[in-house]
Amino acid sequence: MKTITISDDVYEKLVRIKGSKSFSAVIDELIKKNVEKRIEMLIKSAEKTGYEDELERISKEIRRSFKVRF
C-alpha cells in the first residue's frame, strides 16, 4: 500500500463519486475507463488505414494487462 497526496478539490470529487467503494477501486475504475476510451479511439482511427486487425490484437493485449473487459 502506498500513500498519495491529492488536492482538496480532487479529494472532494472522489468522495462524491465513490459511494461505498474504496478510493482505490474508484481510481482503478477511472483508469480502466480512460484506457478503454483511448483504445476505442485508436481502433476507430485505424479503420481508415487498413491496420484495424493489428490494432485490435494489440488492444486486446492492453486490455488484458489492465484487466479491462473486451
C-alpha atoms as a PDB file:
ATOM      1  CA  MET A   1       0.000   0.000   0.000  1.00  0.00           C
ATOM      2  CA  LYS A   2       1.221   3.488  -0.880  1.00  0.00           C
ATOM      3  CA  THR A   3       0.184   6.948   0.230  1.00  0.00           C
ATOM      4  CA  ILE A   4      -0.514   9.652  -2.334  1.00  0.00           C
ATOM      5  CA  THR A   5      -1.293  13.326  -1.956  1.00  0.00           C
ATOM      6  CA  ILE A   6      -4.109  14.949  -3.914  1.00  0.00           C
ATOM      7  CA  SER A   7      -5.586  18.418  -3.843  1.00  0.00           C
ATOM      8  CA  ASP A   8      -8.648  19.102  -1.715  1.00  0.00           C
ATOM      9  CA  ASP A   9     -10.845  19.664  -4.772  1.00  0.00           C
ATOM     10  CA  VAL A  10      -9.838  16.311  -6.312  1.00  0.00           C
ATOM     11  CA  TYR A  11     -10.479  14.614  -2.971  1.00  0.00           C
ATOM     12  CA  GLU A  12     -13.986  16.110  -2.829  1.00  0.00           C
ATOM     13  CA  LYS A  13     -14.715  14.905  -6.375  1.00  0.00           C
ATOM     14  CA  LEU A  14     -13.601  11.381  -5.474  1.00  0.00           C
ATOM     15  CA  VAL A  15     -15.711  11.408  -2.311  1.00  0.00           C
ATOM     16  CA  ARG A  16     -18.797  12.348  -4.352  1.00  0.00           C
ATOM     17  CA  ILE A  17     -18.366   9.517  -6.854  1.00  0.00           C
ATOM     18  CA  LYS A  18     -17.043   6.755  -4.625  1.00  0.00           C
ATOM     19  CA  GLY A  19     -20.211   5.770  -2.758  1.00  0.00           C
ATOM     20  CA  SER A  20     -19.424   2.645  -0.742  1.00  0.00           C
ATOM     21  CA  LYS A  21     -16.342   1.773  -2.822  1.00  0.00           C
ATOM     22  CA  SER A  22     -12.799   2.342  -1.690  1.00  0.00           C
ATOM     23  CA  PHE A  23     -10.783   5.201  -3.155  1.00  0.00           C
ATOM     24  CA  SER A  24      -8.510   2.606  -4.764  1.00  0.00           C
ATOM     25  CA  ALA A  25     -11.452   0.945  -6.502  1.00  0.00           C
ATOM     26  CA  VAL A  26     -12.746   4.278  -7.811  1.00  0.00           C
ATOM     27  CA  ILE A  27      -9.341   5.345  -9.121  1.00  0.00           C
ATOM     28  CA  ASP A  28      -8.829   1.931 -10.724  1.00  0.00           C
ATOM     29  CA  GLU A  29     -12.215   2.152 -12.476  1.00  0.00           C
ATOM     30  CA  LEU A  30     -11.423   5.646 -13.766  1.00  0.00           C
ATOM     31  CA  ILE A  31      -8.079   4.479 -15.152  1.00  0.00           C
ATOM     32  CA  LYS A  32      -9.674   1.478 -16.867  1.00  0.00           C
ATOM     33  CA  LYS A  33     -12.377   3.651 -18.424  1.00  0.00           C
ATOM     34  CA  ASN A  34      -9.735   6.033 -19.758  1.00  0.00           C
ATOM     35  CA  VAL A  35      -7.696   3.180 -21.236  1.00  0.00           C
ATOM     36  CA  GLU A  36     -10.807   1.702 -22.866  1.00  0.00           C
ATOM     37  CA  LYS A  37     -11.782   5.071 -24.330  1.00  0.00           C
ATOM     38  CA  ARG A  38      -8.318   5.612 -25.826  1.00  0.00           C
ATOM     39  CA  ILE A  39      -8.268   2.109 -27.310  1.00  0.00           C
ATOM     40  CA  GLU A  40     -11.643   2.672 -28.954  1.00  0.00           C
ATOM     41  CA  MET A  41     -10.405   5.951 -30.442  1.00  0.00           C
ATOM     42  CA  LEU A  42      -7.301   4.233 -31.827  1.00  0.00           C
ATOM     43  CA  ILE A  43      -9.332   1.428 -33.397  1.00  0.00           C
ATOM     44  CA  LYS A  44     -11.686   3.916 -34.995  1.00  0.00           C
ATOM     45  CA  SER A  45      -8.732   5.820 -36.430  1.00  0.00           C
ATOM     46  CA  ALA A  46      -7.139   2.592 -37.672  1.00  0.00           C
ATOM     47  CA  GLU A  47     -10.215   1.686 -39.695  1.00  0.00           C
ATOM     48  CA  LYS A  48      -9.108   4.311 -42.215  1.00  0.00           C
ATOM     49  CA  THR A  49      -5.616   2.831 -42.558  1.00  0.00           C
ATOM     50  CA  GLY A  50      -6.313  -0.860 -43.026  1.00  0.00           C
ATOM     51  CA  TYR A  51      -4.451  -1.803 -39.824  1.00  0.00           C
ATOM     52  CA  GLU A  52      -7.543  -2.335 -37.712  1.00  0.00           C
ATOM     53  CA  ASP A  53      -6.931  -6.088 -37.266  1.00  0.00           C
ATOM     54  CA  GLU A  54      -3.418  -5.498 -35.969  1.00  0.00           C
ATOM     55  CA  LEU A  55      -4.597  -2.717 -33.703  1.00  0.00           C
ATOM     56  CA  GLU A  56      -7.424  -4.882 -32.378  1.00  0.00           C
ATOM     57  CA  ARG A  57      -4.901  -7.587 -31.468  1.00  0.00           C
ATOM     58  CA  ILE A  58      -2.700  -5.047 -29.689  1.00  0.00           C
ATOM     59  CA  SER A  59      -5.688  -3.508 -27.929  1.00  0.00           C
ATOM     60  CA  LYS A  60      -6.685  -6.920 -26.541  1.00  0.00           C
ATOM     61  CA  GLU A  61      -3.212  -7.234 -25.036  1.00  0.00           C
ATOM     62  CA  ILE A  62      -3.506  -3.774 -23.498  1.00  0.00           C
ATOM     63  CA  ARG A  63      -6.952  -4.522 -22.122  1.00  0.00           C
ATOM     64  CA  ARG A  64      -5.690  -7.800 -20.677  1.00  0.00           C
ATOM     65  CA  SER A  65      -2.781  -6.023 -18.979  1.00  0.00           C
ATOM     66  CA  PHE A  66      -5.195  -3.515 -17.451  1.00  0.00           C
ATOM     67  CA  LYS A  67      -7.801  -6.245 -16.861  1.00  0.00           C
ATOM     68  CA  VAL A  68     -10.319  -4.272 -18.900  1.00  0.00           C
ATOM     69  CA  ARG A  69     -13.197  -6.221 -20.423  1.00  0.00           C
ATOM     70  CA  PHE A  70     -13.103  -6.959 -24.158  1.00  0.00           C
END
